[in-house]
PDB file of all heavy atoms in Angstrom:
ATOM      1  N   MET A   1       0.824  -1.208   0.000  1.00  0.00           N
ATOM      2  CA  MET A   1       0.000   0.000   0.000  1.00  0.00           C
ATOM      3  C   MET A   1       0.859   1.260   0.000  1.00  0.00           C
ATOM      4  O   MET A   1       0.473   2.282  -0.569  1.00  0.00           O
ATOM      5  CB  MET A   1      -0.928  -0.012   1.216  1.00  0.00           C
ATOM      6  CG  MET A   1      -1.877   1.172   1.273  1.00  0.00           C
ATOM      7  SD  MET A   1      -3.164   1.008   2.541  1.00  0.00           S
ATOM      8  CE  MET A   1      -2.167   0.996   4.028  1.00  0.00           C
ATOM      9  N   ALA A   2       2.026   1.202   0.649  1.00  0.00           N
ATOM     10  CA  ALA A   2       2.911   2.363   0.686  1.00  0.00           C
ATOM     11  C   ALA A   2       3.453   2.712  -0.691  1.00  0.00           C
ATOM     12  O   ALA A   2       3.798   3.865  -0.952  1.00  0.00           O
ATOM     13  CB  ALA A   2       4.067   2.109   1.652  1.00  0.00           C
ATOM     14  N   GLU A   3       3.523   1.718  -1.591  1.00  0.00           N
ATOM     15  CA  GLU A   3       3.976   1.965  -2.965  1.00  0.00           C
ATOM     16  C   GLU A   3       3.407   0.872  -3.873  1.00  0.00           C
ATOM     17  O   GLU A   3       4.075  -0.113  -4.168  1.00  0.00           O
ATOM     18  CB  GLU A   3       5.502   1.974  -3.047  1.00  0.00           C
ATOM     19  CG  GLU A   3       6.021   2.410  -4.408  1.00  0.00           C
ATOM     20  CD  GLU A   3       7.538   2.350  -4.511  1.00  0.00           C
ATOM     21  OE1 GLU A   3       8.196   1.986  -3.529  1.00  0.00           O
ATOM     22  OE2 GLU A   3       8.052   2.659  -5.597  1.00  0.00           O
ATOM     23  N   PRO A   4       2.159   1.027  -4.317  1.00  0.00           N
ATOM     24  CA  PRO A   4       1.522  -0.023  -5.128  1.00  0.00           C
ATOM     25  C   PRO A   4       2.261  -0.332  -6.425  1.00  0.00           C
ATOM     26  O   PRO A   4       2.132  -1.430  -6.966  1.00  0.00           O
ATOM     27  CB  PRO A   4       0.131   0.554  -5.410  1.00  0.00           C
ATOM     28  CG  PRO A   4      -0.109   1.535  -4.315  1.00  0.00           C
ATOM     29  CD  PRO A   4       1.228   2.120  -4.016  1.00  0.00           C
ATOM     30  N   ALA A   5       3.018   0.630  -6.943  1.00  0.00           N
ATOM     31  CA  ALA A   5       3.719   0.421  -8.208  1.00  0.00           C
ATOM     32  C   ALA A   5       5.109  -0.181  -8.019  1.00  0.00           C
ATOM     33  O   ALA A   5       5.878  -0.253  -8.976  1.00  0.00           O
ATOM     34  CB  ALA A   5       3.840   1.744  -8.962  1.00  0.00           C
ATOM     35  N   GLN A   6       5.425  -0.621  -6.802  1.00  0.00           N
ATOM     36  CA  GLN A   6       6.774  -1.098  -6.529  1.00  0.00           C
ATOM     37  C   GLN A   6       7.165  -2.283  -7.410  1.00  0.00           C
ATOM     38  O   GLN A   6       8.258  -2.313  -7.986  1.00  0.00           O
ATOM     39  CB  GLN A   6       6.915  -1.492  -5.062  1.00  0.00           C
ATOM     40  CG  GLN A   6       8.302  -2.006  -4.696  1.00  0.00           C
ATOM     41  CD  GLN A   6       8.426  -2.344  -3.224  1.00  0.00           C
ATOM     42  OE1 GLN A   6       7.574  -2.013  -2.427  1.00  0.00           O
ATOM     43  NE2 GLN A   6       9.497  -3.014  -2.861  1.00  0.00           N
ATOM     44  N   ASN A   7       6.277  -3.279  -7.520  1.00  0.00           N
ATOM     45  CA  ASN A   7       6.609  -4.456  -8.335  1.00  0.00           C
ATOM     46  C   ASN A   7       6.812  -4.081  -9.795  1.00  0.00           C
ATOM     47  O   ASN A   7       7.737  -4.578 -10.455  1.00  0.00           O
ATOM     48  CB  ASN A   7       5.508  -5.510  -8.204  1.00  0.00           C
ATOM     49  CG  ASN A   7       5.513  -6.186  -6.841  1.00  0.00           C
ATOM     50  OD1 ASN A   7       6.524  -6.176  -6.139  1.00  0.00           O
ATOM     51  ND2 ASN A   7       4.389  -6.765  -6.463  1.00  0.00           N
ATOM     52  N   SER A   8       5.954  -3.195 -10.317  1.00  0.00           N
ATOM     53  CA  SER A   8       6.110  -2.748 -11.702  1.00  0.00           C
ATOM     54  C   SER A   8       7.398  -1.964 -11.872  1.00  0.00           C
ATOM     55  O   SER A   8       8.109  -2.117 -12.868  1.00  0.00           O
ATOM     56  CB  SER A   8       4.906  -1.883 -12.110  1.00  0.00           C
ATOM     57  OG  SER A   8       3.708  -2.609 -12.028  1.00  0.00           O
ATOM     58  N   ARG A   9       7.716  -1.132 -10.889  1.00  0.00           N
ATOM     59  CA  ARG A   9       8.954  -0.341 -10.962  1.00  0.00           C
ATOM     60  C   ARG A   9      10.182  -1.240 -10.997  1.00  0.00           C
ATOM     61  O   ARG A   9      11.119  -1.008 -11.760  1.00  0.00           O
ATOM     62  CB  ARG A   9       9.026   0.598  -9.749  1.00  0.00           C
ATOM     63  CG  ARG A   9      10.333   1.351  -9.620  1.00  0.00           C
ATOM     64  CD  ARG A   9      10.285   2.355  -8.487  1.00  0.00           C
ATOM     65  NE  ARG A   9       9.993   1.749  -7.215  1.00  0.00           N
ATOM     66  CZ  ARG A   9      10.895   1.087  -6.473  1.00  0.00           C
ATOM     67  NH1 ARG A   9      12.134   0.931  -6.916  1.00  0.00           N
ATOM     68  NH2 ARG A   9      10.555   0.579  -5.305  1.00  0.00           N
ATOM     69  N   VAL A  10      10.164  -2.287 -10.184  1.00  0.00           N
ATOM     70  CA  VAL A  10      11.304  -3.203 -10.151  1.00  0.00           C
ATOM     71  C   VAL A  10      11.440  -3.944 -11.481  1.00  0.00           C
ATOM     72  O   VAL A  10      12.538  -4.088 -12.020  1.00  0.00           O
ATOM     73  CB  VAL A  10      11.149  -4.194  -8.983  1.00  0.00           C
ATOM     74  CG1 VAL A  10      12.214  -5.293  -9.069  1.00  0.00           C
ATOM     75  CG2 VAL A  10      11.268  -3.469  -7.648  1.00  0.00           C
ATOM     76  N   ARG A  11      10.296  -4.407 -12.027  1.00  0.00           N
ATOM     77  CA  ARG A  11      10.345  -5.124 -13.305  1.00  0.00           C
ATOM     78  C   ARG A  11      10.854  -4.222 -14.423  1.00  0.00           C
ATOM     79  O   ARG A  11      11.710  -4.623 -15.228  1.00  0.00           O
ATOM     80  CB  ARG A  11       8.952  -5.667 -13.653  1.00  0.00           C
ATOM     81  CG  ARG A  11       8.550  -6.882 -12.852  1.00  0.00           C
ATOM     82  CD  ARG A  11       7.333  -7.558 -13.473  1.00  0.00           C
ATOM     83  NE  ARG A  11       6.168  -6.672 -13.454  1.00  0.00           N
ATOM     84  CZ  ARG A  11       5.277  -6.651 -12.485  1.00  0.00           C
ATOM     85  NH1 ARG A  11       5.411  -7.440 -11.444  1.00  0.00           N
ATOM     86  NH2 ARG A  11       4.234  -5.838 -12.542  1.00  0.00           N
ATOM     87  N   VAL A  12      10.337  -2.992 -14.483  1.00  0.00           N
ATOM     88  CA  VAL A  12      10.788  -2.056 -15.508  1.00  0.00           C
ATOM     89  C   VAL A  12      12.263  -1.727 -15.314  1.00  0.00           C
ATOM     90  O   VAL A  12      13.029  -1.628 -16.275  1.00  0.00           O
ATOM     91  CB  VAL A  12       9.934  -0.773 -15.476  1.00  0.00           C
ATOM     92  CG1 VAL A  12      10.523   0.296 -16.381  1.00  0.00           C
ATOM     93  CG2 VAL A  12       8.501  -1.073 -15.891  1.00  0.00           C
ATOM     94  N   GLY A  13      12.679  -1.571 -14.055  1.00  0.00           N
ATOM     95  CA  GLY A  13      14.077  -1.260 -13.769  1.00  0.00           C
ATOM     96  C   GLY A  13      15.027  -2.341 -14.254  1.00  0.00           C
ATOM     97  O   GLY A  13      16.118  -2.042 -14.767  1.00  0.00           O
ATOM     98  N   VAL A  14      14.637  -3.592 -14.115  1.00  0.00           N
ATOM     99  CA  VAL A  14      15.481  -4.699 -14.592  1.00  0.00           C
ATOM    100  C   VAL A  14      15.656  -4.623 -16.103  1.00  0.00           C
ATOM    101  O   VAL A  14      16.776  -4.762 -16.627  1.00  0.00           O
ATOM    102  CB  VAL A  14      14.860  -6.051 -14.180  1.00  0.00           C
ATOM    103  CG1 VAL A  14      15.591  -7.199 -14.863  1.00  0.00           C
ATOM    104  CG2 VAL A  14      14.934  -6.223 -12.662  1.00  0.00           C
ATOM    105  N   TRP A  15      14.549  -4.391 -16.822  1.00  0.00           N
ATOM    106  CA  TRP A  15      14.642  -4.301 -18.285  1.00  0.00           C
ATOM    107  C   TRP A  15      15.460  -3.087 -18.720  1.00  0.00           C
ATOM    108  O   TRP A  15      16.211  -3.153 -19.704  1.00  0.00           O
ATOM    109  CB  TRP A  15      13.242  -4.241 -18.899  1.00  0.00           C
ATOM    110  CG  TRP A  15      12.548  -5.566 -18.897  1.00  0.00           C
ATOM    111  CD1 TRP A  15      11.508  -5.957 -18.117  1.00  0.00           C
ATOM    112  CD2 TRP A  15      12.877  -6.694 -19.717  1.00  0.00           C
ATOM    113  NE1 TRP A  15      11.153  -7.249 -18.390  1.00  0.00           N
ATOM    114  CE2 TRP A  15      11.973  -7.731 -19.373  1.00  0.00           C
ATOM    115  CE3 TRP A  15      13.835  -6.931 -20.703  1.00  0.00           C
ATOM    116  CZ2 TRP A  15      12.010  -8.978 -19.973  1.00  0.00           C
ATOM    117  CZ3 TRP A  15      13.871  -8.167 -21.313  1.00  0.00           C
ATOM    118  CH2 TRP A  15      12.972  -9.178 -20.957  1.00  0.00           C
ATOM    119  N   VAL A  16      15.323  -1.974 -17.986  1.00  0.00           N
ATOM    120  CA  VAL A  16      16.116  -0.779 -18.309  1.00  0.00           C
ATOM    121  C   VAL A  16      17.601  -1.057 -18.131  1.00  0.00           C
ATOM    122  O   VAL A  16      18.433  -0.674 -18.973  1.00  0.00           O
ATOM    123  CB  VAL A  16      15.673   0.411 -17.435  1.00  0.00           C
ATOM    124  CG1 VAL A  16      16.658   1.567 -17.558  1.00  0.00           C
ATOM    125  CG2 VAL A  16      14.284   0.872 -17.832  1.00  0.00           C
ATOM    126  N   LEU A  17      17.974  -1.731 -17.057  1.00  0.00           N
ATOM    127  CA  LEU A  17      19.384  -2.046 -16.820  1.00  0.00           C
ATOM    128  C   LEU A  17      19.926  -2.999 -17.881  1.00  0.00           C
ATOM    129  O   LEU A  17      21.070  -2.864 -18.342  1.00  0.00           O
ATOM    130  CB  LEU A  17      19.548  -2.649 -15.424  1.00  0.00           C
ATOM    131  CG  LEU A  17      19.343  -1.684 -14.249  1.00  0.00           C
ATOM    132  CD1 LEU A  17      19.425  -2.438 -12.926  1.00  0.00           C
ATOM    133  CD2 LEU A  17      20.384  -0.571 -14.284  1.00  0.00           C
ATOM    134  N   LEU A  18      19.098  -3.976 -18.281  1.00  0.00           N
ATOM    135  CA  LEU A  18      19.531  -4.891 -19.348  1.00  0.00           C
ATOM    136  C   LEU A  18      19.728  -4.145 -20.654  1.00  0.00           C
ATOM    137  O   LEU A  18      20.700  -4.388 -21.390  1.00  0.00           O
ATOM    138  CB  LEU A  18      18.492  -6.006 -19.519  1.00  0.00           C
ATOM    139  CG  LEU A  18      18.406  -7.035 -18.387  1.00  0.00           C
ATOM    140  CD1 LEU A  18      17.244  -7.985 -18.625  1.00  0.00           C
ATOM    141  CD2 LEU A  18      19.715  -7.808 -18.258  1.00  0.00           C
ATOM    142  N   PHE A  19      18.805  -3.218 -20.974  1.00  0.00           N
ATOM    143  CA  PHE A  19      18.933  -2.426 -22.186  1.00  0.00           C
ATOM    144  C   PHE A  19      20.195  -1.564 -22.150  1.00  0.00           C
ATOM    145  O   PHE A  19      20.935  -1.487 -23.141  1.00  0.00           O
ATOM    146  CB  PHE A  19      17.700  -1.539 -22.374  1.00  0.00           C
ATOM    147  CG  PHE A  19      17.860  -0.516 -23.464  1.00  0.00           C
ATOM    148  CD1 PHE A  19      17.750  -0.871 -24.800  1.00  0.00           C
ATOM    149  CD2 PHE A  19      18.140   0.812 -23.145  1.00  0.00           C
ATOM    150  CE1 PHE A  19      17.904   0.076 -25.809  1.00  0.00           C
ATOM    151  CE2 PHE A  19      18.294   1.757 -24.139  1.00  0.00           C
ATOM    152  CZ  PHE A  19      18.184   1.387 -25.475  1.00  0.00           C
ATOM    153  N   LEU A  20      20.438  -0.915 -21.023  1.00  0.00           N
ATOM    154  CA  LEU A  20      21.614  -0.065 -20.907  1.00  0.00           C
ATOM    155  C   LEU A  20      22.903  -0.885 -21.026  1.00  0.00           C
ATOM    156  O   LEU A  20      23.883  -0.437 -21.629  1.00  0.00           O
ATOM    157  CB  LEU A  20      21.588   0.694 -19.570  1.00  0.00           C
ATOM    158  CG  LEU A  20      20.523   1.772 -19.430  1.00  0.00           C
ATOM    159  CD1 LEU A  20      20.545   2.358 -18.026  1.00  0.00           C
ATOM    160  CD2 LEU A  20      20.727   2.868 -20.470  1.00  0.00           C
ATOM    161  N   GLY A  21      22.884  -2.096 -20.443  1.00  0.00           N
ATOM    162  CA  GLY A  21      24.058  -2.963 -20.570  1.00  0.00           C
ATOM    163  C   GLY A  21      24.311  -3.353 -22.020  1.00  0.00           C
ATOM    164  O   GLY A  21      25.455  -3.314 -22.498  1.00  0.00           O
ATOM    165  N   LEU A  22      23.239  -3.733 -22.743  1.00  0.00           N
ATOM    166  CA  LEU A  22      23.380  -4.095 -24.147  1.00  0.00           C
ATOM    167  C   LEU A  22      23.809  -2.894 -24.982  1.00  0.00           C
ATOM    168  O   LEU A  22      24.691  -3.003 -25.852  1.00  0.00           O
ATOM    169  CB  LEU A  22      22.049  -4.649 -24.670  1.00  0.00           C
ATOM    170  CG  LEU A  22      22.005  -5.044 -26.152  1.00  0.00           C
ATOM    171  CD1 LEU A  22      23.022  -6.158 -26.435  1.00  0.00           C
ATOM    172  CD2 LEU A  22      20.603  -5.492 -26.546  1.00  0.00           C
ATOM    173  N   PHE A  23      23.211  -1.725 -24.718  1.00  0.00           N
ATOM    174  CA  PHE A  23      23.561  -0.520 -25.465  1.00  0.00           C
ATOM    175  C   PHE A  23      25.013  -0.117 -25.210  1.00  0.00           C
ATOM    176  O   PHE A  23      25.688   0.393 -26.109  1.00  0.00           O
ATOM    177  CB  PHE A  23      22.626   0.623 -25.072  1.00  0.00           C
ATOM    178  CG  PHE A  23      22.887   1.898 -25.822  1.00  0.00           C
ATOM    179  CD1 PHE A  23      22.466   2.053 -27.136  1.00  0.00           C
ATOM    180  CD2 PHE A  23      23.580   2.943 -25.224  1.00  0.00           C
ATOM    181  CE1 PHE A  23      22.714   3.223 -27.831  1.00  0.00           C
ATOM    182  CE2 PHE A  23      23.845   4.115 -25.905  1.00  0.00           C
ATOM    183  CZ  PHE A  23      23.407   4.263 -27.220  1.00  0.00           C
ATOM    184  N   THR A  24      25.513  -0.353 -23.997  1.00  0.00           N
ATOM    185  CA  THR A  24      26.912  -0.041 -23.687  1.00  0.00           C
ATOM    186  C   THR A  24      27.859  -0.870 -24.547  1.00  0.00           C
ATOM    187  O   THR A  24      28.857  -0.365 -25.071  1.00  0.00           O
ATOM    188  CB  THR A  24      27.188  -0.284 -22.193  1.00  0.00           C
ATOM    189  OG1 THR A  24      26.347   0.565 -21.406  1.00  0.00           O
ATOM    190  CG2 THR A  24      28.647  -0.003 -21.853  1.00  0.00           C
ATOM    191  N   VAL A  25      27.529  -2.147 -24.711  1.00  0.00           N
ATOM    192  CA  VAL A  25      28.365  -3.024 -25.553  1.00  0.00           C
ATOM    193  C   VAL A  25      28.326  -2.553 -27.006  1.00  0.00           C
ATOM    194  O   VAL A  25      29.364  -2.470 -27.691  1.00  0.00           O
ATOM    195  CB  VAL A  25      27.891  -4.485 -25.437  1.00  0.00           C
ATOM    196  CG1 VAL A  25      28.655  -5.371 -26.425  1.00  0.00           C
ATOM    197  CG2 VAL A  25      28.075  -4.987 -24.014  1.00  0.00           C
ATOM    198  N   VAL A  26      27.121  -2.228 -27.513  1.00  0.00           N
ATOM    199  CA  VAL A  26      26.985  -1.763 -28.898  1.00  0.00           C
ATOM    200  C   VAL A  26      27.747  -0.449 -29.102  1.00  0.00           C
ATOM    201  O   VAL A  26      28.469  -0.275 -30.105  1.00  0.00           O
ATOM    202  CB  VAL A  26      25.493  -1.584 -29.245  1.00  0.00           C
ATOM    203  CG1 VAL A  26      25.335  -0.930 -30.613  1.00  0.00           C
ATOM    204  CG2 VAL A  26      24.776  -2.928 -29.224  1.00  0.00           C
ATOM    205  N   ALA A  27      27.584   0.486 -28.148  1.00  0.00           N
ATOM    206  CA  ALA A  27      28.278   1.772 -28.269  1.00  0.00           C
ATOM    207  C   ALA A  27      29.796   1.597 -28.231  1.00  0.00           C
ATOM    208  O   ALA A  27      30.542   2.270 -28.969  1.00  0.00           O
ATOM    209  CB  ALA A  27      27.828   2.707 -27.146  1.00  0.00           C
ATOM    210  N   TRP A  28      30.269   0.685 -27.415  1.00  0.00           N
ATOM    211  CA  TRP A  28      31.713   0.419 -27.302  1.00  0.00           C
ATOM    212  C   TRP A  28      32.263  -0.126 -28.614  1.00  0.00           C
ATOM    213  O   TRP A  28      33.303   0.298 -29.106  1.00  0.00           O
ATOM    214  CB  TRP A  28      31.957  -0.546 -26.146  1.00  0.00           C
ATOM    215  CG  TRP A  28      33.370  -1.054 -26.055  1.00  0.00           C
ATOM    216  CD1 TRP A  28      34.512  -0.321 -25.949  1.00  0.00           C
ATOM    217  CD2 TRP A  28      33.772  -2.417 -26.107  1.00  0.00           C
ATOM    218  NE1 TRP A  28      35.617  -1.135 -25.905  1.00  0.00           N
ATOM    219  CE2 TRP A  28      35.182  -2.444 -26.000  1.00  0.00           C
ATOM    220  CE3 TRP A  28      33.086  -3.642 -26.209  1.00  0.00           C
ATOM    221  CZ2 TRP A  28      35.914  -3.621 -26.013  1.00  0.00           C
ATOM    222  CZ3 TRP A  28      33.807  -4.803 -26.195  1.00  0.00           C
ATOM    223  CH2 TRP A  28      35.202  -4.793 -26.111  1.00  0.00           C
ATOM    224  N   ARG A  29      31.535  -1.060 -29.239  1.00  0.00           N
ATOM    225  CA  ARG A  29      31.997  -1.648 -30.498  1.00  0.00           C
ATOM    226  C   ARG A  29      31.904  -0.626 -31.628  1.00  0.00           C
ATOM    227  O   ARG A  29      32.758  -0.581 -32.525  1.00  0.00           O
ATOM    228  CB  ARG A  29      31.168  -2.888 -30.839  1.00  0.00           C
ATOM    229  CG  ARG A  29      31.310  -4.045 -29.865  1.00  0.00           C
ATOM    230  CD  ARG A  29      32.756  -4.377 -29.544  1.00  0.00           C
ATOM    231  NE  ARG A  29      33.507  -4.654 -30.769  1.00  0.00           N
ATOM    232  CZ  ARG A  29      34.829  -4.593 -30.870  1.00  0.00           C
ATOM    233  NH1 ARG A  29      35.543  -4.194 -29.817  1.00  0.00           N
ATOM    234  NH2 ARG A  29      35.441  -4.871 -31.997  1.00  0.00           N
ATOM    235  N   LEU A  30      30.838   0.202 -31.625  1.00  0.00           N
ATOM    236  CA  LEU A  30      30.741   1.252 -32.643  1.00  0.00           C
ATOM    237  C   LEU A  30      31.874   2.255 -32.505  1.00  0.00           C
ATOM    238  O   LEU A  30      32.457   2.700 -33.512  1.00  0.00           O
ATOM    239  CB  LEU A  30      29.392   1.970 -32.522  1.00  0.00           C
ATOM    240  CG  LEU A  30      28.167   1.229 -33.057  1.00  0.00           C
ATOM    241  CD1 LEU A  30      26.894   1.995 -32.712  1.00  0.00           C
ATOM    242  CD2 LEU A  30      28.269   1.020 -34.566  1.00  0.00           C
ATOM    243  N   ASN A  31      32.206   2.625 -31.295  1.00  0.00           N
ATOM    244  CA  ASN A  31      33.304   3.560 -31.072  1.00  0.00           C
ATOM    245  C   ASN A  31      34.616   2.986 -31.575  1.00  0.00           C
ATOM    246  O   ASN A  31      35.426   3.690 -32.222  1.00  0.00           O
ATOM    247  CB  ASN A  31      33.406   3.869 -29.584  1.00  0.00           C
ATOM    248  CG  ASN A  31      34.521   4.845 -29.265  1.00  0.00           C
ATOM    249  OD1 ASN A  31      34.433   6.035 -29.563  1.00  0.00           O
ATOM    250  ND2 ASN A  31      35.591   4.340 -28.644  1.00  0.00           N
ATOM    251  N   ALA A  32      34.815   1.676 -31.337  1.00  0.00           N
ATOM    252  CA  ALA A  32      36.049   1.043 -31.832  1.00  0.00           C
ATOM    253  C   ALA A  32      36.084   1.012 -33.356  1.00  0.00           C
ATOM    254  O   ALA A  32      37.135   1.210 -33.985  1.00  0.00           O
ATOM    255  CB  ALA A  32      36.149  -0.387 -31.274  1.00  0.00           C
ATOM    256  N   ALA A  33      34.922   0.773 -33.993  1.00  0.00           N
ATOM    257  CA  ALA A  33      34.860   0.730 -35.451  1.00  0.00           C
ATOM    258  C   ALA A  33      35.101   2.109 -36.074  1.00  0.00           C
ATOM    259  O   ALA A  33      35.774   2.241 -37.105  1.00  0.00           O
ATOM    260  CB  ALA A  33      33.512   0.182 -35.908  1.00  0.00           C
ATOM    261  N   PHE A  34      34.561   3.160 -35.457  1.00  0.00           N
ATOM    262  CA  PHE A  34      34.728   4.522 -35.987  1.00  0.00           C
ATOM    263  C   PHE A  34      36.172   5.004 -35.918  1.00  0.00           C
ATOM    264  O   PHE A  34      36.651   5.737 -36.783  1.00  0.00           O
ATOM    265  CB  PHE A  34      33.836   5.510 -35.247  1.00  0.00           C
ATOM    266  CG  PHE A  34      32.356   5.315 -35.535  1.00  0.00           C
ATOM    267  CD1 PHE A  34      31.383   5.705 -34.604  1.00  0.00           C
ATOM    268  CD2 PHE A  34      31.918   4.736 -36.721  1.00  0.00           C
ATOM    269  CE1 PHE A  34      30.040   5.517 -34.860  1.00  0.00           C
ATOM    270  CE2 PHE A  34      30.569   4.554 -36.982  1.00  0.00           C
ATOM    271  CZ  PHE A  34      29.630   4.944 -36.061  1.00  0.00           C
ATOM    272  N   TRP A  35      36.907   4.600 -34.891  1.00  0.00           N
ATOM    273  CA  TRP A  35      38.238   5.127 -34.635  1.00  0.00           C
ATOM    274  C   TRP A  35      39.387   4.168 -35.012  1.00  0.00           C
ATOM    275  O   TRP A  35      40.544   4.472 -34.773  1.00  0.00           O
ATOM    276  CB  TRP A  35      38.384   5.484 -33.154  1.00  0.00           C
ATOM    277  CG  TRP A  35      37.555   6.673 -32.766  1.00  0.00           C
ATOM    278  CD1 TRP A  35      36.292   6.668 -32.299  1.00  0.00           C
ATOM    279  CD2 TRP A  35      37.947   8.045 -32.830  1.00  0.00           C
ATOM    280  NE1 TRP A  35      35.826   7.941 -32.062  1.00  0.00           N
ATOM    281  CE2 TRP A  35      36.852   8.830 -32.374  1.00  0.00           C
ATOM    282  CE3 TRP A  35      39.109   8.707 -33.215  1.00  0.00           C
ATOM    283  CZ2 TRP A  35      36.868  10.208 -32.302  1.00  0.00           C
ATOM    284  CZ3 TRP A  35      39.146  10.105 -33.136  1.00  0.00           C
ATOM    285  CH2 TRP A  35      38.045  10.831 -32.696  1.00  0.00           C
TER     286      TRP A  35
END
């Protein structure tokens, strides 16, 4: 009751972290290819 959206926030947060991790790898490889 103190935070009804807590479970949704945690689930979304996990997907956001996974996306950021994947994007970091892609950005790193693109940077290496450009330079």
